[in-house]
């Protein structure tokens, strides 16, 4: 099975996509339509987010297994330490290995119910993402990724502290990092500079989400932990009452961000899709990231 790093270091810039597990049968149909539509464009890999709860976790595992068995895509499974003992984590990692998954994104995860609440370690679990990285490394020949935060993790005291945590995760055995959402190319590029200044040479992948509606803009604020910058607000606010106009302005903005990042030498762009494919297909097409054979 191909690894994420192999796909990211093949020479030409690529794109990858993220999905979340379906909540019900209707969601599953929507998800698999998006998977099939994007499969034709040959993304470098697809990632499936992970829910700590039993039913959500099971859907993640089942969806990841289907991607392995029924598509040509390279899957990356998410794994979190939330509400898991080490024994449970070992079982999940073992299952991934058994179905042929070689790529894992190891994240500590947010407290259930309140992402900004206090972190509570499982009494027989792990406390830090770097411990989860080491566990994955111990249990198999995995390509391991971690999360990076251009504005700093909400629980980090400052950007320097956050950079030390990221470097610690990478030095614990992670092969690459995927950035959480951000608004401006320089927000990502400054993080890349901080990691390089710390003496860490790694693959850093920016995460983007097509801004198709005011809701996706609000979601970007929520997931990034940063307010909308004035220059972005000036581009989008005039279109808040016109859905078609807002979508066009948002797609233009994300495309421009992608163009700048590719010009700065990023190996690829990771798209948060919300289980829809149309906007991502538009942006990657405009950026020239679709292989000719697709």
Protein backbone atom coordinates (compact mmCIF):
# COMPACT_ATOMS: atom_id res chain seq x y z
CA UNK A 1 0.00 0.00 0.00
CA UNK A 2 1.31 3.44 -0.98
CA UNK A 3 2.12 5.90 1.81
CA UNK A 4 1.06 9.52 2.10
CA UNK A 5 4.65 10.72 2.04
CA UNK A 6 5.31 8.80 -1.17
CA UNK A 7 2.36 10.57 -2.78
CA UNK A 8 3.47 13.98 -1.46
CA UNK A 9 7.08 13.70 -2.60
CA UNK A 10 6.53 12.44 -6.13
CA UNK A 11 7.70 15.65 -7.77
CA UNK A 12 4.50 17.41 -8.88
CA UNK A 13 2.12 19.19 -6.49
CA UNK A 14 -0.96 17.15 -5.57
CA UNK A 15 -4.20 17.50 -3.67
CA UNK A 16 -5.83 15.37 -0.99
CA UNK A 17 -9.27 15.36 0.61
CA UNK A 18 -10.86 14.77 3.99
CA UNK A 19 -14.22 13.16 4.74
CA UNK A 20 -16.10 12.46 7.95
CA UNK A 21 -17.93 9.21 8.66
CA UNK A 22 -21.64 9.15 7.74
CA UNK A 23 -24.20 9.45 10.53
CA UNK A 24 -26.87 7.41 8.77
CA UNK A 25 -27.77 5.70 5.49
CA UNK A 26 -28.63 8.98 3.74
CA UNK A 27 -25.28 10.47 4.76
CA UNK A 28 -23.55 7.36 3.49
CA UNK A 29 -25.02 7.84 0.00
CA UNK A 30 -23.85 11.47 -0.05
CA UNK A 31 -20.37 10.48 1.13
CA UNK A 32 -19.91 7.74 -1.43
CA UNK A 33 -21.08 9.95 -4.26
CA UNK A 34 -18.39 12.47 -3.28
CA UNK A 35 -15.78 9.71 -2.94
CA UNK A 36 -16.54 8.36 -6.42
CA UNK A 37 -16.54 11.83 -8.00
CA UNK A 38 -13.19 12.70 -6.45
CA UNK A 39 -11.67 9.27 -7.05
CA UNK A 40 -11.74 10.04 -10.77
CA UNK A 41 -9.37 12.99 -10.14
CA UNK A 42 -6.76 10.80 -8.40
CA UNK A 43 -6.22 12.64 -5.11
CA UNK A 44 -2.93 11.81 -3.40
CA UNK A 45 -4.85 10.35 -0.45
CA UNK A 46 -8.17 10.56 1.37
CA UNK A 47 -8.52 10.91 5.11
CA UNK A 48 -11.46 9.80 7.24
CA UNK A 49 -12.03 11.67 10.50
CA UNK A 50 -12.46 9.79 13.75
CA UNK A 51 -15.16 9.95 16.38
CA UNK A 52 -14.31 8.72 19.86
CA UNK A 53 -17.80 7.44 20.64
CA UNK A 54 -18.61 3.82 19.89
CA UNK A 55 -20.99 4.26 16.95
CA UNK A 56 -18.98 7.08 15.37
CA UNK A 57 -15.75 5.14 15.81
CA UNK A 58 -17.31 2.08 14.22
CA UNK A 59 -18.50 4.13 11.24
CA UNK A 60 -15.00 5.55 10.81
CA UNK A 61 -13.49 2.07 10.81
CA UNK A 62 -16.14 0.69 8.45
CA UNK A 63 -15.79 3.61 6.02
CA UNK A 64 -12.02 3.34 6.01
CA UNK A 65 -12.28 -0.38 5.31
CA UNK A 66 -14.60 0.25 2.37
CA UNK A 67 -12.17 2.78 0.89
CA UNK A 68 -9.42 0.14 1.06
CA UNK A 69 -11.52 -2.64 -0.38
CA UNK A 70 -13.69 -0.85 -2.95
CA UNK A 71 -11.66 2.04 -4.38
CA UNK A 72 -8.28 2.83 -5.90
CA UNK A 73 -7.70 5.57 -3.32
CA UNK A 74 -4.89 5.76 -0.74
CA UNK A 75 -6.63 5.95 2.66
CA UNK A 76 -5.39 7.70 5.77
CA UNK A 77 -7.17 6.75 8.98
CA UNK A 78 -7.56 9.22 11.83
CA UNK A 79 -6.94 8.12 15.41
CA UNK A 80 -7.50 10.04 18.64
CA UNK A 81 -6.74 9.36 22.27
CA UNK A 82 -10.15 10.62 23.42
CA UNK A 83 -11.88 8.19 25.84
CA UNK A 84 -9.59 5.33 24.80
CA UNK A 85 -7.40 3.08 26.88
CA UNK A 86 -4.08 2.04 25.40
CA UNK A 87 -5.51 -1.45 24.92
CA UNK A 88 -8.39 -0.05 22.85
CA UNK A 89 -6.00 2.03 20.79
CA UNK A 90 -3.90 -1.05 20.13
CA UNK A 91 -7.00 -2.88 18.91
CA UNK A 92 -7.96 -0.09 16.49
CA UNK A 93 -4.41 0.22 15.17
CA UNK A 94 -4.30 -3.55 14.73
CA UNK A 95 -7.56 -3.49 12.80
CA UNK A 96 -6.25 -0.78 10.48
CA UNK A 97 -3.15 -2.87 9.82
CA UNK A 98 -5.24 -5.98 9.16
CA UNK A 99 -7.29 -4.31 6.41
CA UNK A 100 -4.24 -2.81 4.76
CA UNK A 101 -4.20 0.76 6.06
CA UNK A 102 -0.63 2.07 6.26
CA UNK A 103 -1.32 5.75 6.92
CA UNK A 104 -2.58 7.14 10.24
CA UNK A 105 -3.18 10.71 11.40
CA UNK A 106 -2.49 10.65 15.13
CA UNK A 107 -4.21 13.46 17.04
CA UNK A 108 -4.99 13.77 20.72
CA UNK A 109 -8.52 14.96 19.93
CA UNK A 110 -10.93 17.36 21.60
CA UNK A 111 -12.95 16.68 24.75
CA UNK A 112 -16.33 15.20 23.72
CA UNK A 113 -19.24 17.62 23.87
CA UNK A 114 -17.08 20.73 24.32
CA UNK A 115 -14.03 21.08 22.06
CA UNK A 116 -12.77 23.91 24.26
CA UNK A 117 -13.34 22.11 27.54
CA UNK A 118 -10.68 20.70 29.83
CA UNK A 119 -8.83 17.66 28.54
CA UNK A 120 -9.43 14.60 30.71
CA UNK A 121 -7.13 11.66 30.13
CA UNK A 122 -8.61 8.17 30.10
CA UNK A 123 -7.33 6.48 33.28
CA UNK A 124 -5.57 3.86 31.15
CA UNK A 125 -4.98 6.10 28.15
CA UNK A 126 -2.57 8.65 26.75
CA UNK A 127 -2.15 12.36 27.37
CA UNK A 128 -0.26 13.69 24.36
CA UNK A 129 -0.35 13.19 20.60
CA UNK A 130 3.36 12.40 20.58
CA UNK A 131 2.59 9.34 22.76
CA UNK A 132 0.04 8.23 20.17
CA UNK A 133 2.65 8.68 17.43
CA UNK A 134 5.06 6.43 19.32
CA UNK A 135 2.33 3.81 19.85
CA UNK A 136 1.58 3.69 16.12
CA UNK A 137 5.27 3.35 15.41
CA UNK A 138 5.63 0.51 17.87
CA UNK A 139 2.77 -1.48 16.41
CA UNK A 140 3.54 -1.50 12.70
CA UNK A 141 5.15 -0.06 9.62
CA UNK A 142 2.88 2.97 9.46
CA UNK A 143 3.29 6.35 7.83
CA UNK A 144 2.16 8.68 10.61
CA UNK A 145 0.91 12.23 10.35
CA UNK A 146 0.03 14.83 12.98
CA UNK A 147 -1.99 18.04 13.16
CA UNK A 148 -0.42 21.50 12.93
CA UNK A 149 -2.02 24.78 13.97
CA UNK A 150 -1.05 27.95 12.07
CA UNK A 151 -2.52 30.14 14.82
CA UNK A 152 -1.38 27.85 17.61
CA UNK A 153 -3.42 25.21 19.42
CA UNK A 154 -6.04 26.81 21.69
CA UNK A 155 -4.28 25.29 24.70
CA UNK A 156 -0.81 26.50 23.76
CA UNK A 157 0.46 29.54 25.62
CA UNK A 158 1.98 31.15 22.51
CA UNK A 159 3.24 30.31 19.02
CA UNK A 160 6.74 29.41 20.22
CA UNK A 161 5.31 26.91 22.69
CA UNK A 162 3.01 25.51 20.02
CA UNK A 163 5.95 25.10 17.64
CA UNK A 164 7.85 23.13 20.28
CA UNK A 165 4.88 20.77 20.67
CA UNK A 166 4.63 20.29 16.91
CA UNK A 167 8.35 19.58 16.59
CA UNK A 168 8.11 17.12 19.51
CA UNK A 169 5.35 15.22 17.67
CA UNK A 170 7.42 15.11 14.50
CA UNK A 171 10.54 13.95 16.33
CA UNK A 172 8.51 11.26 18.10
CA UNK A 173 8.21 9.59 14.71
CA UNK A 174 5.66 11.49 12.62
CA UNK A 175 6.42 11.70 8.91
CA UNK A 176 4.32 14.75 8.02
CA UNK A 177 1.86 17.29 9.41
CA UNK A 178 -1.42 18.66 8.08
CA UNK A 179 -2.38 22.21 9.00
CA UNK A 180 -5.73 23.10 10.45
CA UNK A 181 -7.65 25.80 8.59
CA UNK A 182 -6.30 29.33 8.16
CA UNK A 183 -7.33 32.40 6.19
CA UNK A 184 -4.19 33.81 4.55
CA UNK A 185 -1.26 32.07 2.85
CA UNK A 186 1.20 33.89 5.09
CA UNK A 187 -0.44 32.39 8.19
CA UNK A 188 0.65 28.94 6.98
CA UNK A 189 4.00 30.07 5.61
CA UNK A 190 4.99 31.70 8.91
CA UNK A 191 4.26 28.41 10.68
CA UNK A 192 6.42 26.60 8.13
CA UNK A 193 9.21 29.10 8.84
CA UNK A 194 8.92 28.52 12.61
CA UNK A 195 9.24 24.77 12.18
CA UNK A 196 12.25 25.18 9.89
CA UNK A 197 13.87 27.60 12.35
CA UNK A 198 13.51 24.91 15.03
CA UNK A 199 15.71 22.66 12.89
CA UNK A 200 12.91 20.33 11.82
CA UNK A 201 12.80 19.32 8.17
CA UNK A 202 9.42 17.72 7.45
CA UNK A 203 6.51 17.66 5.03
CA UNK A 204 3.91 20.29 5.98
CA UNK A 205 0.60 20.26 4.16
CA UNK A 206 -1.78 23.24 4.23
CA UNK A 207 -5.46 22.56 4.86
CA UNK A 208 -8.08 24.51 2.87
CA UNK A 209 -11.87 24.56 2.74
CA UNK A 210 -13.79 26.08 -0.18
CA UNK A 211 -15.74 29.07 1.16
CA UNK A 212 -19.04 28.42 -0.58
CA UNK A 213 -21.51 29.79 2.01
CA UNK A 214 -21.49 32.01 5.11
CA UNK A 215 -21.78 28.76 7.08
CA UNK A 216 -18.45 27.49 5.73
CA UNK A 217 -16.92 30.85 6.63
CA UNK A 218 -18.23 30.49 10.19
CA UNK A 219 -16.91 26.91 10.29
CA UNK A 220 -13.48 28.16 9.24
CA UNK A 221 -13.51 30.62 12.14
CA UNK A 222 -14.52 27.81 14.51
CA UNK A 223 -11.93 25.30 13.31
CA UNK A 224 -9.06 27.75 12.90
CA UNK A 225 -9.62 29.50 16.21
CA UNK A 226 -9.05 32.87 14.52
CA UNK A 227 -11.37 35.72 13.51
CA UNK A 228 -11.89 36.64 9.89
CA UNK A 229 -9.04 38.98 8.87
CA UNK A 230 -10.15 42.43 7.62
CA UNK A 231 -8.91 41.84 4.07
CA UNK A 232 -10.90 38.59 3.86
CA UNK A 233 -14.01 40.24 5.32
CA UNK A 234 -13.79 43.00 2.72
CA UNK A 235 -13.84 40.38 -0.02
CA UNK A 236 -16.76 38.35 1.33
CA UNK A 237 -19.08 40.57 3.38
CA UNK A 238 -20.55 42.44 0.39
CA UNK A 239 -21.87 39.08 -0.85
CA UNK A 240 -23.49 37.78 2.36
CA UNK A 241 -27.03 38.25 1.01
CA UNK A 242 -26.39 36.74 -2.43
CA UNK A 243 -25.64 33.01 -2.37
CA UNK A 244 -24.28 32.76 -5.92
CA UNK A 245 -22.15 35.87 -5.53
CA UNK A 246 -20.77 34.71 -2.17
CA UNK A 247 -19.87 31.31 -3.60
CA UNK A 248 -17.99 32.87 -6.52
CA UNK A 249 -16.06 35.25 -4.24
CA UNK A 250 -15.23 32.43 -1.81
CA UNK A 251 -14.04 30.05 -4.52
CA UNK A 252 -11.92 32.84 -6.03
CA UNK A 253 -10.36 33.57 -2.63
CA UNK A 254 -9.49 29.94 -1.88
CA UNK A 255 -8.11 29.47 -5.40
CA UNK A 256 -5.85 32.51 -4.95
CA UNK A 257 -4.67 31.12 -1.60
CA UNK A 258 -3.85 27.80 -3.27
CA UNK A 259 -1.98 29.53 -6.08
CA UNK A 260 0.21 31.43 -3.64
CA UNK A 261 0.96 28.34 -1.57
CA UNK A 262 1.87 26.28 -4.64
CA UNK A 263 4.14 29.12 -5.79
CA UNK A 264 5.83 28.92 -2.36
CA UNK A 265 6.62 25.25 -2.93
CA UNK A 266 4.10 23.33 -0.83
CA UNK A 267 3.91 19.67 -1.92
CA UNK A 268 0.13 19.68 -2.07
CA UNK A 269 -3.14 21.08 -0.76
CA UNK A 270 -5.44 19.21 1.64
CA UNK A 271 -9.15 19.99 1.21
CA UNK A 272 -11.75 19.71 3.96
CA UNK A 273 -14.77 18.67 1.88
CA UNK A 274 -17.69 18.23 4.32
CA UNK A 275 -18.48 15.18 2.20
CA UNK A 276 -19.22 17.23 -0.91
CA UNK A 277 -17.07 17.23 -4.02
CA UNK A 278 -18.23 20.00 -6.37
CA UNK A 279 -16.39 22.99 -4.90
CA UNK A 280 -13.18 21.02 -4.33
CA UNK A 281 -13.31 19.75 -7.93
CA UNK A 282 -13.69 23.34 -9.13
CA UNK A 283 -10.72 24.62 -7.14
CA UNK A 284 -8.32 21.77 -7.99
CA UNK A 285 -9.29 22.10 -11.64
CA UNK A 286 -8.52 25.82 -11.62
CA UNK A 287 -5.20 25.13 -9.89
CA UNK A 288 -4.16 22.54 -12.46
CA UNK A 289 -3.91 19.74 -9.90
CA UNK A 290 -6.01 17.25 -11.85
CA UNK A 291 -3.86 14.66 -13.66
CA UNK A 292 -4.23 14.70 -17.45
CA UNK A 293 -5.55 11.12 -17.46
CA UNK A 294 -8.40 12.17 -15.18
